[in-house]
Amino acid sequence: MNYGIIFDMDGVLVDSEPVWMAVEQDIYLKQYGVQLTSDDFIDSAGIRVDKLLATHHQRYSLPMEDVPQRAIDVVTEVGRRIQSSPIPMPGVFELLETIKQHGLPMVVASSSPKKQIARVLEALNITHYFSHQVSAEGLVNGKPHPAVFLLAAEKLGLTPEQCIVIEDAINGMVAAKAAEMKVIVMPDPEQRSDPRFALADAKVDSLNQVWQHIETLI
């Protein structure tokens, strides 16, 4: 059976989750005098930015009509910071090269906007590894709904059963399993003991451990 590898981006290819959090905190403090705390980001990884910001606005009784502009502000600033000093996840280049050498097609499927995906991959100089870049932007439902991963499988010309997803977040893992795909999770160190990750087919501490699990799943 042929297989394809679907990569989440934030927290898997690039160490960007802290950047997203810092930018949101800066913008909401400046725009509204609201100090976002760690509680505002619980299970936020993998969520589309407009959906997450809508949650902030509901929680703090902020104008809902501001959400689209705040989303633009956040994405723009995150992109600027990542482009100026991108931080690849340890082992990313070695893993991508190994997968390429074994002839498995790869695609990125992320909740980030399309332009953001392109900017990050270009900043890391890894665009050429991926046949497609798939965003949840514009889809009716983002992660944990499986739509973005099902679209990625379609782009690869594969069935969901032929796809292995590399994820870091609960929402992404749930989306992958809902799509009936295999999933390898690489949780943030603070979340590795979360029992919900038992749903994954494999759990790793770093990208250096991913290929050995891919080999057991194909």
C-alpha atoms as a PDB file:
ATOM      1  CA  MET A   1       0.000   0.000   0.000  1.00  0.00           C
ATOM      2  CA  ASN A   2       1.216   3.502  -0.816  1.00  0.00           C
ATOM      3  CA  TYR A   3       1.392   5.973   2.031  1.00  0.00           C
ATOM      4  CA  GLY A   4       1.637   9.736   2.403  1.00  0.00           C
ATOM      5  CA  ILE A   5       2.715  11.888   5.340  1.00  0.00           C
ATOM      6  CA  ILE A   6       0.644  14.874   6.478  1.00  0.00           C
ATOM      7  CA  PHE A   7       2.418  17.419   8.657  1.00  0.00           C
ATOM      8  CA  ASP A   8       0.818  19.936  10.933  1.00  0.00           C
ATOM      9  CA  MET A   9       2.948  23.106  10.900  1.00  0.00           C
ATOM     10  CA  ASP A  10       2.911  25.058  14.166  1.00  0.00           C
ATOM     11  CA  GLY A  11       4.685  23.119  16.884  1.00  0.00           C
ATOM     12  CA  VAL A  12       5.716  20.370  14.436  1.00  0.00           C
ATOM     13  CA  LEU A  13       7.774  22.025  11.713  1.00  0.00           C
ATOM     14  CA  VAL A  14       8.373  25.366  13.401  1.00  0.00           C
ATOM     15  CA  ASP A  15       8.515  26.335  17.058  1.00  0.00           C
ATOM     16  CA  SER A  16       5.786  28.939  16.710  1.00  0.00           C
ATOM     17  CA  GLU A  17       3.205  28.215  19.411  1.00  0.00           C
ATOM     18  CA  PRO A  18       4.968  30.573  21.906  1.00  0.00           C
ATOM     19  CA  VAL A  19       5.031  33.249  19.200  1.00  0.00           C
ATOM     20  CA  TRP A  20       1.268  33.015  18.634  1.00  0.00           C
ATOM     21  CA  MET A  21       0.632  33.298  22.372  1.00  0.00           C
ATOM     22  CA  ALA A  22       2.990  36.246  22.847  1.00  0.00           C
ATOM     23  CA  VAL A  23       1.534  38.146  19.895  1.00  0.00           C
ATOM     24  CA  GLU A  24      -2.048  37.666  21.074  1.00  0.00           C
ATOM     25  CA  GLN A  25      -1.110  38.806  24.574  1.00  0.00           C
ATOM     26  CA  ASP A  26       0.649  41.909  23.225  1.00  0.00           C
ATOM     27  CA  ILE A  27      -2.180  42.879  20.891  1.00  0.00           C
ATOM     28  CA  TYR A  28      -4.999  42.376  23.382  1.00  0.00           C
ATOM     29  CA  LEU A  29      -3.153  44.311  26.075  1.00  0.00           C
ATOM     30  CA  LYS A  30      -2.535  47.174  23.646  1.00  0.00           C
ATOM     31  CA  GLN A  31      -5.990  47.216  22.038  1.00  0.00           C
ATOM     32  CA  TYR A  32      -8.221  46.461  25.014  1.00  0.00           C
ATOM     33  CA  GLY A  33      -6.131  46.537  28.175  1.00  0.00           C
ATOM     34  CA  VAL A  34      -6.869  42.816  28.577  1.00  0.00           C
ATOM     35  CA  GLN A  35      -4.127  40.592  29.986  1.00  0.00           C
ATOM     36  CA  LEU A  36      -4.555  37.158  28.441  1.00  0.00           C
ATOM     37  CA  THR A  37      -3.350  34.376  30.733  1.00  0.00           C
ATOM     38  CA  SER A  38      -2.331  30.767  30.223  1.00  0.00           C
ATOM     39  CA  ASP A  39      -5.955  29.783  30.929  1.00  0.00           C
ATOM     40  CA  ASP A  40      -6.979  31.536  27.713  1.00  0.00           C
ATOM     41  CA  PHE A  41      -4.792  29.168  25.707  1.00  0.00           C
ATOM     42  CA  ILE A  42      -5.767  25.800  27.193  1.00  0.00           C
ATOM     43  CA  ASP A  43      -6.300  23.343  24.299  1.00  0.00           C
ATOM     44  CA  SER A  44      -5.893  26.242  21.856  1.00  0.00           C
ATOM     45  CA  ALA A  45      -3.157  24.617  19.763  1.00  0.00           C
ATOM     46  CA  GLY A  46      -4.476  23.672  16.346  1.00  0.00           C
ATOM     47  CA  ILE A  47      -7.527  25.918  16.590  1.00  0.00           C
ATOM     48  CA  ARG A  48      -8.072  28.349  13.707  1.00  0.00           C
ATOM     49  CA  VAL A  49      -7.068  31.856  14.806  1.00  0.00           C
ATOM     50  CA  ASP A  50     -10.472  33.459  14.152  1.00  0.00           C
ATOM     51  CA  LYS A  51     -12.199  30.821  16.278  1.00  0.00           C
ATOM     52  CA  LEU A  52      -9.721  31.279  19.129  1.00  0.00           C
ATOM     53  CA  LEU A  53      -9.995  35.063  19.062  1.00  0.00           C
ATOM     54  CA  ALA A  54     -13.785  34.812  19.087  1.00  0.00           C
ATOM     55  CA  THR A  55     -13.424  32.868  22.339  1.00  0.00           C
ATOM     56  CA  HIS A  56     -11.283  35.666  23.795  1.00  0.00           C
ATOM     57  CA  HIS A  57     -13.899  38.241  22.815  1.00  0.00           C
ATOM     58  CA  GLN A  58     -16.738  36.250  24.333  1.00  0.00           C
ATOM     59  CA  ARG A  59     -14.826  35.635  27.553  1.00  0.00           C
ATOM     60  CA  TYR A  60     -13.885  39.279  28.054  1.00  0.00           C
ATOM     61  CA  SER A  61     -17.047  40.851  26.555  1.00  0.00           C
ATOM     62  CA  LEU A  62     -15.099  42.476  23.726  1.00  0.00           C
ATOM     63  CA  PRO A  63     -16.725  43.590  20.442  1.00  0.00           C
ATOM     64  CA  MET A  64     -17.277  40.537  18.257  1.00  0.00           C
ATOM     65  CA  GLU A  65     -17.151  42.720  15.134  1.00  0.00           C
ATOM     66  CA  ASP A  66     -13.460  43.340  15.901  1.00  0.00           C
ATOM     67  CA  VAL A  67     -12.506  39.669  15.503  1.00  0.00           C
ATOM     68  CA  PRO A  68     -11.706  39.746  11.749  1.00  0.00           C
ATOM     69  CA  GLN A  69      -9.331  42.711  12.133  1.00  0.00           C
ATOM     70  CA  ARG A  70      -7.678  41.280  15.251  1.00  0.00           C
ATOM     71  CA  ALA A  71      -7.145  38.015  13.362  1.00  0.00           C
ATOM     72  CA  ILE A  72      -5.391  39.943  10.586  1.00  0.00           C
ATOM     73  CA  ASP A  73      -3.295  41.787  13.176  1.00  0.00           C
ATOM     74  CA  VAL A  74      -2.236  38.560  14.875  1.00  0.00           C
ATOM     75  CA  VAL A  75      -1.420  36.648  11.691  1.00  0.00           C
ATOM     76  CA  THR A  76       0.544  39.582  10.268  1.00  0.00           C
ATOM     77  CA  GLU A  77       2.657  40.039  13.382  1.00  0.00           C
ATOM     78  CA  VAL A  78       3.239  36.308  13.886  1.00  0.00           C
ATOM     79  CA  GLY A  79       4.383  36.083  10.282  1.00  0.00           C
ATOM     80  CA  ARG A  80       6.730  39.027  10.726  1.00  0.00           C
ATOM     81  CA  ARG A  81       8.326  37.568  13.848  1.00  0.00           C
ATOM     82  CA  ILE A  82       8.734  34.083  12.396  1.00  0.00           C
ATOM     83  CA  GLN A  83      10.171  35.359   9.126  1.00  0.00           C
ATOM     84  CA  SER A  84      12.699  37.510  10.953  1.00  0.00           C
ATOM     85  CA  SER A  85      13.937  34.641  13.115  1.00  0.00           C
ATOM     86  CA  PRO A  86      12.333  31.261  12.290  1.00  0.00           C
ATOM     87  CA  ILE A  87      13.022  28.487  14.788  1.00  0.00           C
ATOM     88  CA  PRO A  88      12.759  25.039  13.180  1.00  0.00           C
ATOM     89  CA  MET A  89      11.787  22.189  15.446  1.00  0.00           C
ATOM     90  CA  PRO A  90      14.826  20.019  16.266  1.00  0.00           C
ATOM     91  CA  GLY A  91      15.280  17.224  13.743  1.00  0.00           C
ATOM     92  CA  VAL A  92      12.930  18.673  11.116  1.00  0.00           C
ATOM     93  CA  PHE A  93      15.436  18.788   8.253  1.00  0.00           C
ATOM     94  CA  GLU A  94      16.705  15.266   8.891  1.00  0.00           C
ATOM     95  CA  LEU A  95      13.169  13.844   9.079  1.00  0.00           C
ATOM     96  CA  LEU A  96      12.010  15.543   5.890  1.00  0.00           C
ATOM     97  CA  GLU A  97      15.070  14.332   4.018  1.00  0.00           C
ATOM     98  CA  THR A  98      14.604  10.760   5.278  1.00  0.00           C
ATOM     99  CA  ILE A  99      10.957  10.694   4.206  1.00  0.00           C
ATOM    100  CA  LYS A 100      11.879  12.150   0.814  1.00  0.00           C
ATOM    101  CA  GLN A 101      14.594   9.514   0.291  1.00  0.00           C
ATOM    102  CA  HIS A 102      12.023   6.784   0.957  1.00  0.00           C
ATOM    103  CA  GLY A 103       9.719   8.210  -1.689  1.00  0.00           C
ATOM    104  CA  LEU A 104       6.750   9.089   0.527  1.00  0.00           C
ATOM    105  CA  PRO A 105       4.838  12.201  -0.583  1.00  0.00           C
ATOM    106  CA  MET A 106       4.359  14.939   2.006  1.00  0.00           C
ATOM    107  CA  VAL A 107       1.805  17.700   2.486  1.00  0.00           C
ATOM    108  CA  VAL A 108       1.275  20.387   5.127  1.00  0.00           C
ATOM    109  CA  ALA A 109      -2.211  20.651   6.635  1.00  0.00           C
ATOM    110  CA  SER A 110      -2.519  23.519   9.102  1.00  0.00           C
ATOM    111  CA  SER A 111      -5.066  25.745  10.795  1.00  0.00           C
ATOM    112  CA  SER A 112      -2.870  28.721   9.868  1.00  0.00           C
ATOM    113  CA  PRO A 113      -3.901  30.864   6.870  1.00  0.00           C
ATOM    114  CA  LYS A 114      -2.516  29.939   3.452  1.00  0.00           C
ATOM    115  CA  LYS A 115      -0.185  32.941   3.268  1.00  0.00           C
ATOM    116  CA  GLN A 116       1.194  32.126   6.701  1.00  0.00           C
ATOM    117  CA  ILE A 117       1.948  28.528   5.718  1.00  0.00           C
ATOM    118  CA  ALA A 118       3.809  29.699   2.620  1.00  0.00           C
ATOM    119  CA  ARG A 119       5.801  32.277   4.591  1.00  0.00           C
ATOM    120  CA  VAL A 120       6.883  29.807   7.255  1.00  0.00           C
ATOM    121  CA  LEU A 121       7.938  27.114   4.798  1.00  0.00           C
ATOM    122  CA  GLU A 122       9.884  29.678   2.786  1.00  0.00           C
ATOM    123  CA  ALA A 123      11.546  31.080   5.915  1.00  0.00           C
ATOM    124  CA  LEU A 124      12.688  27.576   6.866  1.00  0.00           C
ATOM    125  CA  ASN A 125      13.634  26.770   3.237  1.00  0.00           C
ATOM    126  CA  ILE A 126      11.567  23.564   3.255  1.00  0.00           C
ATOM    127  CA  THR A 127       8.852  24.413   0.705  1.00  0.00           C
ATOM    128  CA  HIS A 128      10.289  21.956  -1.826  1.00  0.00           C
ATOM    129  CA  TYR A 129       9.594  18.945   0.397  1.00  0.00           C
ATOM    130  CA  PHE A 130       5.808  19.340   0.164  1.00  0.00           C
ATOM    131  CA  SER A 131       3.593  18.674  -2.830  1.00  0.00           C
ATOM    132  CA  HIS A 132       0.748  20.752  -1.369  1.00  0.00           C
ATOM    133  CA  GLN A 133       0.004  23.289   1.357  1.00  0.00           C
ATOM    134  CA  VAL A 134      -3.498  22.871   2.795  1.00  0.00           C
ATOM    135  CA  SER A 135      -5.113  25.394   5.137  1.00  0.00           C
ATOM    136  CA  ALA A 136      -8.268  25.201   7.221  1.00  0.00           C
ATOM    137  CA  GLU A 137      -8.808  28.832   6.246  1.00  0.00           C
ATOM    138  CA  GLY A 138     -12.093  29.066   4.390  1.00  0.00           C
ATOM    139  CA  LEU A 139     -13.333  25.661   5.505  1.00  0.00           C
ATOM    140  CA  VAL A 140     -16.604  25.605   7.419  1.00  0.00           C
ATOM    141  CA  ASN A 141     -14.950  23.708  10.267  1.00  0.00           C
ATOM    142  CA  GLY A 142     -11.354  23.707  11.473  1.00  0.00           C
ATOM    143  CA  LYS A 143      -9.647  21.197  13.731  1.00  0.00           C
ATOM    144  CA  PRO A 144     -10.779  19.116  15.641  1.00  0.00           C
ATOM    145  CA  HIS A 145     -13.059  18.564  12.634  1.00  0.00           C
ATOM    146  CA  PRO A 146     -11.293  16.274  10.119  1.00  0.00           C
ATOM    147  CA  ALA A 147     -12.001  18.439   7.037  1.00  0.00           C
ATOM    148  CA  VAL A 148      -8.471  19.830   6.596  1.00  0.00           C
ATOM    149  CA  PHE A 149      -6.910  16.366   6.775  1.00  0.00           C
ATOM    150  CA  LEU A 150      -9.454  14.849   4.407  1.00  0.00           C
ATOM    151  CA  LEU A 151      -8.671  17.637   1.934  1.00  0.00           C
ATOM    152  CA  ALA A 152      -4.952  16.884   2.348  1.00  0.00           C
ATOM    153  CA  ALA A 153      -5.547  13.208   1.545  1.00  0.00           C
ATOM    154  CA  GLU A 154      -7.501  14.240  -1.535  1.00  0.00           C
ATOM    155  CA  LYS A 155      -4.589  16.428  -2.664  1.00  0.00           C
ATOM    156  CA  LEU A 156      -2.253  13.459  -2.232  1.00  0.00           C
ATOM    157  CA  GLY A 157      -4.600  11.218  -4.181  1.00  0.00           C
ATOM    158  CA  LEU A 158      -4.717   8.789  -1.261  1.00  0.00           C
ATOM    159  CA  THR A 159      -7.399   7.342   0.992  1.00  0.00           C
ATOM    160  CA  PRO A 160      -7.424   8.399   4.660  1.00  0.00           C
ATOM    161  CA  GLU A 161      -6.181   4.926   5.595  1.00  0.00           C
ATOM    162  CA  GLN A 162      -3.055   5.588   3.511  1.00  0.00           C
ATOM    163  CA  CYS A 163      -2.174   8.756   5.423  1.00  0.00           C
ATOM    164  CA  ILE A 164      -0.025   9.234   8.532  1.00  0.00           C
ATOM    165  CA  VAL A 165      -0.403  12.554  10.339  1.00  0.00           C
ATOM    166  CA  ILE A 166       2.314  14.207  12.440  1.00  0.00           C
ATOM    167  CA  GLU A 167       0.684  16.405  15.095  1.00  0.00           C
ATOM    168  CA  ASP A 168       1.515  18.124  18.366  1.00  0.00           C
ATOM    169  CA  ALA A 169      -1.923  19.072  19.660  1.00  0.00           C
ATOM    170  CA  ILE A 170      -4.989  17.358  21.067  1.00  0.00           C
ATOM    171  CA  ASN A 171      -7.252  19.073  18.520  1.00  0.00           C
ATOM    172  CA  GLY A 172      -5.088  17.938  15.623  1.00  0.00           C
ATOM    173  CA  MET A 173      -4.869  14.389  16.922  1.00  0.00           C
ATOM    174  CA  VAL A 174      -8.654  14.200  17.291  1.00  0.00           C
ATOM    175  CA  ALA A 175      -9.074  15.569  13.763  1.00  0.00           C
ATOM    176  CA  ALA A 176      -6.688  12.961  12.353  1.00  0.00           C
ATOM    177  CA  LYS A 177      -8.415  10.073  14.117  1.00  0.00           C
ATOM    178  CA  ALA A 178     -11.831  11.399  13.055  1.00  0.00           C
ATOM    179  CA  ALA A 179     -10.500  11.266   9.493  1.00  0.00           C
ATOM    180  CA  GLU A 180      -9.598   7.599  10.129  1.00  0.00           C
ATOM    181  CA  MET A 181      -5.896   8.297   9.663  1.00  0.00           C
ATOM    182  CA  LYS A 182      -2.937   7.082  11.646  1.00  0.00           C
ATOM    183  CA  VAL A 183      -1.374   9.783  13.808  1.00  0.00           C
ATOM    184  CA  ILE A 184       1.975  10.251  15.530  1.00  0.00           C
ATOM    185  CA  VAL A 185       1.886  12.932  18.226  1.00  0.00           C
ATOM    186  CA  MET A 186       4.745  15.047  19.533  1.00  0.00           C
ATOM    187  CA  PRO A 187       3.176  16.924  22.449  1.00  0.00           C
ATOM    188  CA  ASP A 188       4.624  20.022  24.041  1.00  0.00           C
ATOM    189  CA  PRO A 189       6.693  18.920  27.096  1.00  0.00           C
ATOM    190  CA  GLU A 190       4.118  20.422  29.463  1.00  0.00           C
ATOM    191  CA  GLN A 191       1.346  18.298  27.935  1.00  0.00           C
ATOM    192  CA  ARG A 192       3.079  14.960  27.357  1.00  0.00           C
ATOM    193  CA  SER A 193       1.426  13.355  30.367  1.00  0.00           C
ATOM    194  CA  ASP A 194      -2.082  14.265  29.145  1.00  0.00           C
ATOM    195  CA  PRO A 195      -3.925  10.917  29.026  1.00  0.00           C
ATOM    196  CA  ARG A 196      -5.876  11.989  25.950  1.00  0.00           C
ATOM    197  CA  PHE A 197      -2.772  11.423  23.816  1.00  0.00           C
ATOM    198  CA  ALA A 198      -3.319   7.696  24.306  1.00  0.00           C
ATOM    199  CA  LEU A 199      -5.653   7.972  21.306  1.00  0.00           C
ATOM    200  CA  ALA A 200      -2.625   8.376  19.022  1.00  0.00           C
ATOM    201  CA  ASP A 201      -0.939   5.470  17.248  1.00  0.00           C
ATOM    202  CA  ALA A 202       2.431   6.610  18.607  1.00  0.00           C
ATOM    203  CA  LYS A 203       3.782   9.358  20.861  1.00  0.00           C
ATOM    204  CA  VAL A 204       7.293  10.801  20.548  1.00  0.00           C
ATOM    205  CA  ASP A 205       9.404  13.357  22.368  1.00  0.00           C
ATOM    206  CA  SER A 206      11.061  14.756  19.252  1.00  0.00           C
ATOM    207  CA  LEU A 207      11.060  14.547  15.468  1.00  0.00           C
ATOM    208  CA  ASN A 208      14.179  12.396  15.706  1.00  0.00           C
ATOM    209  CA  GLN A 209      11.932   9.528  16.841  1.00  0.00           C
ATOM    210  CA  VAL A 210       9.252   9.901  14.171  1.00  0.00           C
ATOM    211  CA  TRP A 211      10.711   7.876  11.296  1.00  0.00           C
ATOM    212  CA  GLN A 212      11.022   4.669  13.326  1.00  0.00           C
ATOM    213  CA  HIS A 213       7.300   4.886  14.063  1.00  0.00           C
ATOM    214  CA  ILE A 214       6.424   5.654  10.458  1.00  0.00           C
ATOM    215  CA  GLU A 215       8.228   2.455   9.488  1.00  0.00           C
ATOM    216  CA  THR A 216       6.047   0.412  11.851  1.00  0.00           C
ATOM    217  CA  LEU A 217       2.842   1.990  10.476  1.00  0.00           C
ATOM    218  CA  ILE A 218       3.411   1.544   6.745  1.00  0.00           C
END
